[in-house]
PDB file of N, CA and C in Angstrom:
ATOM      1  N   MET A   1       0.840  -1.193   0.000  1.00  0.00           N
ATOM      2  CA  MET A   1       0.000   0.000   0.000  1.00  0.00           C
ATOM      3  C   MET A   1       0.878   1.246   0.000  1.00  0.00           C
ATOM      4  N   SER A   2       0.364   2.297  -0.604  1.00  0.00           N
ATOM      5  CA  SER A   2       1.109   3.546  -0.614  1.00  0.00           C
ATOM      6  C   SER A   2       0.839   4.320   0.664  1.00  0.00           C
ATOM      7  N   GLN A   3       1.677   5.291   0.896  1.00  0.00           N
ATOM      8  CA  GLN A   3       1.518   6.119   2.081  1.00  0.00           C
ATOM      9  C   GLN A   3       1.133   7.530   1.670  1.00  0.00           C
ATOM     10  N   ILE A   4       0.466   8.231   2.583  1.00  0.00           N
ATOM     11  CA  ILE A   4       0.118   9.632   2.356  1.00  0.00           C
ATOM     12  C   ILE A   4       0.608  10.451   3.539  1.00  0.00           C
ATOM     13  N   ARG A   5       0.994  11.684   3.250  1.00  0.00           N
ATOM     14  CA  ARG A   5       1.404  12.633   4.278  1.00  0.00           C
ATOM     15  C   ARG A   5       0.264  13.630   4.430  1.00  0.00           C
ATOM     16  N   ILE A   6      -0.247  13.752   5.655  1.00  0.00           N
ATOM     17  CA  ILE A   6      -1.369  14.640   5.942  1.00  0.00           C
ATOM     18  C   ILE A   6      -0.850  15.788   6.789  1.00  0.00           C
ATOM     19  N   THR A   7      -1.053  17.014   6.321  1.00  0.00           N
ATOM     20  CA  THR A   7      -0.614  18.204   7.031  1.00  0.00           C
ATOM     21  C   THR A   7      -1.834  19.036   7.395  1.00  0.00           C
ATOM     22  N   GLN A   8      -1.957  19.388   8.651  1.00  0.00           N
ATOM     23  CA  GLN A   8      -3.069  20.236   9.076  1.00  0.00           C
ATOM     24  C   GLN A   8      -2.741  21.674   8.701  1.00  0.00           C
ATOM     25  N   VAL A   9      -3.635  22.328   7.960  1.00  0.00           N
ATOM     26  CA  VAL A   9      -3.387  23.700   7.520  1.00  0.00           C
ATOM     27  C   VAL A   9      -4.296  24.714   8.205  1.00  0.00           C
ATOM     28  N   LYS A  10      -5.384  24.253   8.810  1.00  0.00           N
ATOM     29  CA  LYS A  10      -6.291  25.146   9.538  1.00  0.00           C
ATOM     30  C   LYS A  10      -6.575  24.563  10.912  1.00  0.00           C
ATOM     31  N   SER A  11      -6.929  25.421  11.826  1.00  0.00           N
ATOM     32  CA  SER A  11      -7.188  25.022  13.202  1.00  0.00           C
ATOM     33  C   SER A  11      -8.528  24.307  13.337  1.00  0.00           C
ATOM     34  N   GLY A  12      -8.623  23.472  14.361  1.00  0.00           N
ATOM     35  CA  GLY A  12      -9.875  22.804  14.676  1.00  0.00           C
ATOM     36  C   GLY A  12     -10.762  23.612  15.600  1.00  0.00           C
ATOM     37  N   ILE A  13     -10.277  24.771  16.051  1.00  0.00           N
ATOM     38  CA  ILE A  13     -11.054  25.617  16.959  1.00  0.00           C
ATOM     39  C   ILE A  13     -12.307  26.115  16.240  1.00  0.00           C
ATOM     40  N   GLY A  14     -13.430  26.001  16.902  1.00  0.00           N
ATOM     41  CA  GLY A  14     -14.688  26.470  16.342  1.00  0.00           C
ATOM     42  C   GLY A  14     -15.329  25.464  15.391  1.00  0.00           C
ATOM     43  N   ARG A  15     -14.744  24.304  15.252  1.00  0.00           N
ATOM     44  CA  ARG A  15     -15.291  23.266  14.373  1.00  0.00           C
ATOM     45  C   ARG A  15     -16.151  22.313  15.204  1.00  0.00           C
ATOM     46  N   PRO A  16     -17.037  21.571  14.548  1.00  0.00           N
ATOM     47  CA  PRO A  16     -17.841  20.589  15.286  1.00  0.00           C
ATOM     48  C   PRO A  16     -16.951  19.561  15.984  1.00  0.00           C
ATOM     49  N   GLU A  17     -17.435  19.039  17.094  1.00  0.00           N
ATOM     50  CA  GLU A  17     -16.673  18.076  17.895  1.00  0.00           C
ATOM     51  C   GLU A  17     -16.244  16.875  17.060  1.00  0.00           C
ATOM     52  N   ARG A  18     -17.075  16.453  16.150  1.00  0.00           N
ATOM     53  CA  ARG A  18     -16.759  15.298  15.306  1.00  0.00           C
ATOM     54  C   ARG A  18     -15.509  15.550  14.464  1.00  0.00           C
ATOM     55  N   GLN A  19     -15.379  16.766  13.921  1.00  0.00           N
ATOM     56  CA  GLN A  19     -14.199  17.101  13.121  1.00  0.00           C
ATOM     57  C   GLN A  19     -12.962  17.191  14.008  1.00  0.00           C
ATOM     58  N   LYS A  20     -13.110  17.720  15.208  1.00  0.00           N
ATOM     59  CA  LYS A  20     -11.974  17.800  16.132  1.00  0.00           C
ATOM     60  C   LYS A  20     -11.467  16.399  16.464  1.00  0.00           C
ATOM     61  N   ARG A  21     -12.389  15.475  16.723  1.00  0.00           N
ATOM     62  CA  ARG A  21     -11.994  14.108  17.053  1.00  0.00           C
ATOM     63  C   ARG A  21     -11.374  13.399  15.859  1.00  0.00           C
ATOM     64  N   THR A  22     -11.828  13.718  14.669  1.00  0.00           N
ATOM     65  CA  THR A  22     -11.232  13.125  13.471  1.00  0.00           C
ATOM     66  C   THR A  22      -9.797  13.594  13.311  1.00  0.00           C
ATOM     67  N   LEU A  23      -9.535  14.869  13.557  1.00  0.00           N
ATOM     68  CA  LEU A  23      -8.166  15.379  13.503  1.00  0.00           C
ATOM     69  C   LEU A  23      -7.295  14.670  14.532  1.00  0.00           C
ATOM     70  N   GLN A  24      -7.807  14.484  15.740  1.00  0.00           N
ATOM     71  CA  GLN A  24      -7.047  13.794  16.777  1.00  0.00           C
ATOM     72  C   GLN A  24      -6.763  12.352  16.382  1.00  0.00           C
ATOM     73  N   ALA A  25      -7.747  11.694  15.790  1.00  0.00           N
ATOM     74  CA  ALA A  25      -7.572  10.299  15.382  1.00  0.00           C
ATOM     75  C   ALA A  25      -6.524  10.169  14.284  1.00  0.00           C
ATOM     76  N   LEU A  26      -6.381  11.204  13.479  1.00  0.00           N
ATOM     77  CA  LEU A  26      -5.352  11.206  12.438  1.00  0.00           C
ATOM     78  C   LEU A  26      -3.977  11.554  13.005  1.00  0.00           C
ATOM     79  N   GLY A  27      -3.936  11.970  14.264  1.00  0.00           N
ATOM     80  CA  GLY A  27      -2.661  12.304  14.891  1.00  0.00           C
ATOM     81  C   GLY A  27      -2.255  13.752  14.690  1.00  0.00           C
ATOM     82  N   LEU A  28      -3.228  14.604  14.392  1.00  0.00           N
ATOM     83  CA  LEU A  28      -2.960  16.030  14.160  1.00  0.00           C
ATOM     84  C   LEU A  28      -3.448  16.826  15.363  1.00  0.00           C
ATOM     85  N   ARG A  29      -2.538  17.501  16.029  1.00  0.00           N
ATOM     86  CA  ARG A  29      -2.879  18.212  17.260  1.00  0.00           C
ATOM     87  C   ARG A  29      -2.928  19.732  17.092  1.00  0.00           C
ATOM     88  N   HIS A  30      -2.247  20.255  16.100  1.00  0.00           N
ATOM     89  CA  HIS A  30      -2.186  21.707  15.916  1.00  0.00           C
ATOM     90  C   HIS A  30      -1.896  22.002  14.452  1.00  0.00           C
ATOM     91  N   PRO A  31      -2.153  23.232  13.993  1.00  0.00           N
ATOM     92  CA  PRO A  31      -1.832  23.581  12.606  1.00  0.00           C
ATOM     93  C   PRO A  31      -0.356  23.331  12.301  1.00  0.00           C
ATOM     94  N   HIS A  32      -0.088  22.892  11.100  1.00  0.00           N
ATOM     95  CA  HIS A  32       1.244  22.557  10.588  1.00  0.00           C
ATOM     96  C   HIS A  32       1.771  21.240  11.142  1.00  0.00           C
ATOM     97  N   ALA A  33       0.941  20.495  11.879  1.00  0.00           N
ATOM     98  CA  ALA A  33       1.328  19.158  12.325  1.00  0.00           C
ATOM     99  C   ALA A  33       1.257  18.226  11.118  1.00  0.00           C
ATOM    100  N   VAL A  34       2.157  17.246  11.091  1.00  0.00           N
ATOM    101  CA  VAL A  34       2.236  16.314   9.967  1.00  0.00           C
ATOM    102  C   VAL A  34       2.094  14.891  10.494  1.00  0.00           C
ATOM    103  N   ALA A  35       1.324  14.075   9.772  1.00  0.00           N
ATOM    104  CA  ALA A  35       1.178  12.665  10.105  1.00  0.00           C
ATOM    105  C   ALA A  35       1.288  11.857   8.813  1.00  0.00           C
ATOM    106  N   VAL A  36       1.887  10.682   8.921  1.00  0.00           N
ATOM    107  CA  VAL A  36       2.020   9.785   7.771  1.00  0.00           C
ATOM    108  C   VAL A  36       1.209   8.534   8.059  1.00  0.00           C
ATOM    109  N   HIS A  37       0.349   8.163   7.105  1.00  0.00           N
ATOM    110  CA  HIS A  37      -0.506   6.990   7.249  1.00  0.00           C
ATOM    111  C   HIS A  37      -0.506   6.191   5.960  1.00  0.00           C
ATOM    112  N   LEU A  38      -0.864   4.919   6.086  1.00  0.00           N
ATOM    113  CA  LEU A  38      -1.102   4.110   4.898  1.00  0.00           C
ATOM    114  C   LEU A  38      -2.384   4.587   4.229  1.00  0.00           C
ATOM    115  N   SER A  39      -2.403   4.526   2.924  1.00  0.00           N
ATOM    116  CA  SER A  39      -3.573   4.964   2.174  1.00  0.00           C
ATOM    117  C   SER A  39      -4.569   3.804   2.100  1.00  0.00           C
ATOM    118  N   ASN A  40      -5.473   3.735   3.075  1.00  0.00           N
ATOM    119  CA  ASN A  40      -6.508   2.705   3.071  1.00  0.00           C
ATOM    120  C   ASN A  40      -7.879   3.389   3.159  1.00  0.00           C
ATOM    121  N   PRO A  41      -8.952   2.671   2.897  1.00  0.00           N
ATOM    122  CA  PRO A  41     -10.279   3.300   2.870  1.00  0.00           C
ATOM    123  C   PRO A  41     -10.657   4.016   4.162  1.00  0.00           C
ATOM    124  N   GLN A  42     -10.243   3.489   5.320  1.00  0.00           N
ATOM    125  CA  GLN A  42     -10.599   4.119   6.588  1.00  0.00           C
ATOM    126  C   GLN A  42      -9.947   5.491   6.710  1.00  0.00           C
ATOM    127  N   ILE A  43      -8.657   5.566   6.415  1.00  0.00           N
ATOM    128  CA  ILE A  43      -7.934   6.837   6.526  1.00  0.00           C
ATOM    129  C   ILE A  43      -8.434   7.823   5.476  1.00  0.00           C
ATOM    130  N   LEU A  44      -8.658   7.364   4.256  1.00  0.00           N
ATOM    131  CA  LEU A  44      -9.135   8.260   3.203  1.00  0.00           C
ATOM    132  C   LEU A  44     -10.519   8.814   3.526  1.00  0.00           C
ATOM    133  N   GLY A  45     -11.360   8.021   4.184  1.00  0.00           N
ATOM    134  CA  GLY A  45     -12.673   8.505   4.595  1.00  0.00           C
ATOM    135  C   GLY A  45     -12.565   9.579   5.662  1.00  0.00           C
ATOM    136  N   MET A  46     -11.622   9.389   6.596  1.00  0.00           N
ATOM    137  CA  MET A  46     -11.410  10.399   7.642  1.00  0.00           C
ATOM    138  C   MET A  46     -10.877  11.690   7.029  1.00  0.00           C
ATOM    139  N   VAL A  47      -9.965  11.556   6.077  1.00  0.00           N
ATOM    140  CA  VAL A  47      -9.406  12.735   5.409  1.00  0.00           C
ATOM    141  C   VAL A  47     -10.503  13.475   4.649  1.00  0.00           C
ATOM    142  N   ALA A  48     -11.416  12.751   4.032  1.00  0.00           N
ATOM    143  CA  ALA A  48     -12.500  13.385   3.283  1.00  0.00           C
ATOM    144  C   ALA A  48     -13.384  14.238   4.190  1.00  0.00           C
ATOM    145  N   LYS A  49     -13.570  13.802   5.440  1.00  0.00           N
ATOM    146  CA  LYS A  49     -14.427  14.541   6.375  1.00  0.00           C
ATOM    147  C   LYS A  49     -13.802  15.854   6.844  1.00  0.00           C
ATOM    148  N   VAL A  50     -12.473  15.934   6.809  1.00  0.00           N
ATOM    149  CA  VAL A  50     -11.791  17.160   7.247  1.00  0.00           C
ATOM    150  C   VAL A  50     -10.917  17.727   6.122  1.00  0.00           C
ATOM    151  N   ALA A  51     -11.324  17.491   4.883  1.00  0.00           N
ATOM    152  CA  ALA A  51     -10.526  17.900   3.723  1.00  0.00           C
ATOM    153  C   ALA A  51     -10.286  19.405   3.694  1.00  0.00           C
ATOM    154  N   HIS A  52     -11.200  20.179   4.260  1.00  0.00           N
ATOM    155  CA  HIS A  52     -11.053  21.634   4.270  1.00  0.00           C
ATOM    156  C   HIS A  52     -10.041  22.109   5.323  1.00  0.00           C
ATOM    157  N   LEU A  53      -9.571  21.204   6.168  1.00  0.00           N
ATOM    158  CA  LEU A  53      -8.619  21.557   7.222  1.00  0.00           C
ATOM    159  C   LEU A  53      -7.229  21.003   6.982  1.00  0.00           C
ATOM    160  N   VAL A  54      -7.076  20.106   6.005  1.00  0.00           N
ATOM    161  CA  VAL A  54      -5.801  19.413   5.817  1.00  0.00           C
ATOM    162  C   VAL A  54      -5.352  19.475   4.360  1.00  0.00           C
ATOM    163  N   LYS A  55      -4.064  19.179   4.167  1.00  0.00           N
ATOM    164  CA  LYS A  55      -3.470  19.039   2.839  1.00  0.00           C
ATOM    165  C   LYS A  55      -2.900  17.627   2.775  1.00  0.00           C
ATOM    166  N   VAL A  56      -3.136  16.932   1.662  1.00  0.00           N
ATOM    167  CA  VAL A  56      -2.719  15.543   1.520  1.00  0.00           C
ATOM    168  C   VAL A  56      -1.751  15.412   0.360  1.00  0.00           C
ATOM    169  N   GLU A  57      -0.642  14.700   0.607  1.00  0.00           N
ATOM    170  CA  GLU A  57       0.357  14.451  -0.432  1.00  0.00           C
ATOM    171  C   GLU A  57       0.665  12.954  -0.452  1.00  0.00           C
ATOM    172  N   ALA A  58       0.847  12.406  -1.637  1.00  0.00           N
ATOM    173  CA  ALA A  58       1.279  11.017  -1.765  1.00  0.00           C
ATOM    174  C   ALA A  58       2.796  10.966  -1.543  1.00  0.00           C
ATOM    175  N   ILE A  59       3.241   9.913  -0.888  1.00  0.00           N
ATOM    176  CA  ILE A  59       4.680   9.750  -0.647  1.00  0.00           C
ATOM    177  C   ILE A  59       5.200   8.700  -1.610  1.00  0.00           C
TER     178      ILE A  59
END
């Protein structure tokens, strides 16, 4: 499987609790935090829910 690098570009402050928890589950705690994950359906679904807060790059 390929890997993706997820970078948080916007804050979770003022966002619904569900989006905040999704960011935490991805391992993103603050803006400009970076996490690397395998590209699987579960992770891609989580990224889709917070796509407006993160930037995704293939590694």
